[in-house]
């Protein structure tokens, strides 16, 4: 259950910066168009979210397959910007 594993880490986190997120997820997280994109499930899925570092909140915007994410990211990230 990749989503449960991600949630287990995120639920306990008190991130105050992207560096903190990188510490927990390493290369499995990127920042794209102001959104945090996590590679989950052995790089099969993407979890796209916003992170409020002040309130320590995470808002999940979308969970999609790698192929669906690639579609969102086409044309300069236009679909990703719209989320």
C-alpha atoms as a PDB file:
ATOM      1  CA  UNK A   1       0.000   0.000   0.000  1.00  0.00           C
ATOM      2  CA  UNK A   2       2.156   2.890  -1.267  1.00  0.00           C
ATOM      3  CA  UNK A   3      -0.350   5.566  -0.278  1.00  0.00           C
ATOM      4  CA  UNK A   4      -0.542   4.247   3.290  1.00  0.00           C
ATOM      5  CA  UNK A   5       3.252   4.277   3.546  1.00  0.00           C
ATOM      6  CA  UNK A   6       3.404   7.883   2.309  1.00  0.00           C
ATOM      7  CA  UNK A   7       0.608   8.888   4.689  1.00  0.00           C
ATOM      8  CA  UNK A   8       2.356   7.230   7.638  1.00  0.00           C
ATOM      9  CA  UNK A   9       5.413   9.405   7.069  1.00  0.00           C
ATOM     10  CA  UNK A  10       3.520  12.619   6.258  1.00  0.00           C
ATOM     11  CA  UNK A  11       1.173  12.269   9.239  1.00  0.00           C
ATOM     12  CA  UNK A  12       4.071  12.289  11.713  1.00  0.00           C
ATOM     13  CA  UNK A  13       6.045  15.025   9.949  1.00  0.00           C
ATOM     14  CA  UNK A  14       6.551  18.566  11.177  1.00  0.00           C
ATOM     15  CA  UNK A  15       8.225  19.876   8.064  1.00  0.00           C
ATOM     16  CA  UNK A  16       9.292  23.500   8.067  1.00  0.00           C
ATOM     17  CA  UNK A  17      10.924  23.574   4.631  1.00  0.00           C
ATOM     18  CA  UNK A  18      11.417  21.637   1.427  1.00  0.00           C
ATOM     19  CA  UNK A  19      14.743  20.452   2.845  1.00  0.00           C
ATOM     20  CA  UNK A  20      12.823  18.664   5.620  1.00  0.00           C
ATOM     21  CA  UNK A  21      10.600  16.954   3.053  1.00  0.00           C
ATOM     22  CA  UNK A  22      13.682  15.948   1.050  1.00  0.00           C
ATOM     23  CA  UNK A  23      15.226  14.520   4.233  1.00  0.00           C
ATOM     24  CA  UNK A  24      12.240  12.174   4.621  1.00  0.00           C
ATOM     25  CA  UNK A  25      11.640  11.341   0.944  1.00  0.00           C
ATOM     26  CA  UNK A  26      14.939  12.051  -0.821  1.00  0.00           C
ATOM     27  CA  UNK A  27      14.793  11.790  -4.593  1.00  0.00           C
ATOM     28  CA  UNK A  28      11.180  10.654  -4.406  1.00  0.00           C
ATOM     29  CA  UNK A  29       9.914  14.248  -4.106  1.00  0.00           C
ATOM     30  CA  UNK A  30      10.192  17.254  -6.417  1.00  0.00           C
ATOM     31  CA  UNK A  31       8.813  20.760  -6.515  1.00  0.00           C
ATOM     32  CA  UNK A  32       6.943  21.574  -9.732  1.00  0.00           C
ATOM     33  CA  UNK A  33       4.796  24.645 -10.394  1.00  0.00           C
ATOM     34  CA  UNK A  34       4.605  25.331  -6.645  1.00  0.00           C
ATOM     35  CA  UNK A  35       3.324  21.837  -5.921  1.00  0.00           C
ATOM     36  CA  UNK A  36       5.110  18.946  -4.259  1.00  0.00           C
ATOM     37  CA  UNK A  37       5.193  15.810  -6.392  1.00  0.00           C
ATOM     38  CA  UNK A  38       5.951  12.516  -4.656  1.00  0.00           C
ATOM     39  CA  UNK A  39       6.908   9.341  -6.526  1.00  0.00           C
ATOM     40  CA  UNK A  40       5.119   6.513  -4.742  1.00  0.00           C
ATOM     41  CA  UNK A  41       4.645   2.837  -5.395  1.00  0.00           C
ATOM     42  CA  UNK A  42       8.038   2.211  -6.930  1.00  0.00           C
ATOM     43  CA  UNK A  43       7.658   5.194  -9.289  1.00  0.00           C
ATOM     44  CA  UNK A  44       4.304   3.898 -10.631  1.00  0.00           C
ATOM     45  CA  UNK A  45       2.242   6.729  -9.130  1.00  0.00           C
ATOM     46  CA  UNK A  46       2.487  10.458  -8.455  1.00  0.00           C
ATOM     47  CA  UNK A  47       0.971  12.171  -5.451  1.00  0.00           C
ATOM     48  CA  UNK A  48       0.622  15.921  -5.996  1.00  0.00           C
ATOM     49  CA  UNK A  49       0.046  18.181  -3.019  1.00  0.00           C
ATOM     50  CA  UNK A  50       0.472  21.566  -1.416  1.00  0.00           C
ATOM     51  CA  UNK A  51       2.329  21.850   1.881  1.00  0.00           C
ATOM     52  CA  UNK A  52       1.718  24.597   4.453  1.00  0.00           C
ATOM     53  CA  UNK A  53       4.965  24.665   6.403  1.00  0.00           C
ATOM     54  CA  UNK A  54       3.621  27.154   8.981  1.00  0.00           C
ATOM     55  CA  UNK A  55       0.546  25.114   9.946  1.00  0.00           C
ATOM     56  CA  UNK A  56       2.186  21.767   9.161  1.00  0.00           C
ATOM     57  CA  UNK A  57      -0.665  20.890   6.834  1.00  0.00           C
ATOM     58  CA  UNK A  58      -0.707  18.911   3.615  1.00  0.00           C
ATOM     59  CA  UNK A  59      -3.432  19.174   0.989  1.00  0.00           C
ATOM     60  CA  UNK A  60      -3.476  16.296  -1.503  1.00  0.00           C
ATOM     61  CA  UNK A  61      -4.558  17.604  -4.889  1.00  0.00           C
ATOM     62  CA  UNK A  62      -4.294  14.447  -6.948  1.00  0.00           C
ATOM     63  CA  UNK A  63      -2.999  10.896  -7.036  1.00  0.00           C
ATOM     64  CA  UNK A  64      -2.341   9.633 -10.536  1.00  0.00           C
ATOM     65  CA  UNK A  65      -0.293   7.179 -12.542  1.00  0.00           C
ATOM     66  CA  UNK A  66       3.073   8.144 -13.957  1.00  0.00           C
ATOM     67  CA  UNK A  67       1.513   8.379 -17.435  1.00  0.00           C
ATOM     68  CA  UNK A  68      -1.325  10.622 -16.193  1.00  0.00           C
ATOM     69  CA  UNK A  69       1.227  12.886 -14.527  1.00  0.00           C
ATOM     70  CA  UNK A  70       3.194  13.120 -17.765  1.00  0.00           C
ATOM     71  CA  UNK A  71      -0.007  14.298 -19.499  1.00  0.00           C
ATOM     72  CA  UNK A  72      -0.533  16.963 -16.812  1.00  0.00           C
ATOM     73  CA  UNK A  73       3.047  18.108 -17.186  1.00  0.00           C
ATOM     74  CA  UNK A  74       2.849  18.568 -20.972  1.00  0.00           C
ATOM     75  CA  UNK A  75       2.990  21.978 -22.584  1.00  0.00           C
ATOM     76  CA  UNK A  76       5.084  23.657 -19.922  1.00  0.00           C
ATOM     77  CA  UNK A  77       3.187  22.133 -17.005  1.00  0.00           C
ATOM     78  CA  UNK A  78      -0.127  23.744 -18.011  1.00  0.00           C
ATOM     79  CA  UNK A  79      -2.219  20.918 -16.528  1.00  0.00           C
ATOM     80  CA  UNK A  80      -0.185  20.906 -13.337  1.00  0.00           C
ATOM     81  CA  UNK A  81      -0.602  24.664 -12.936  1.00  0.00           C
ATOM     82  CA  UNK A  82      -4.387  24.253 -13.191  1.00  0.00           C
ATOM     83  CA  UNK A  83      -4.627  21.926 -10.190  1.00  0.00           C
END
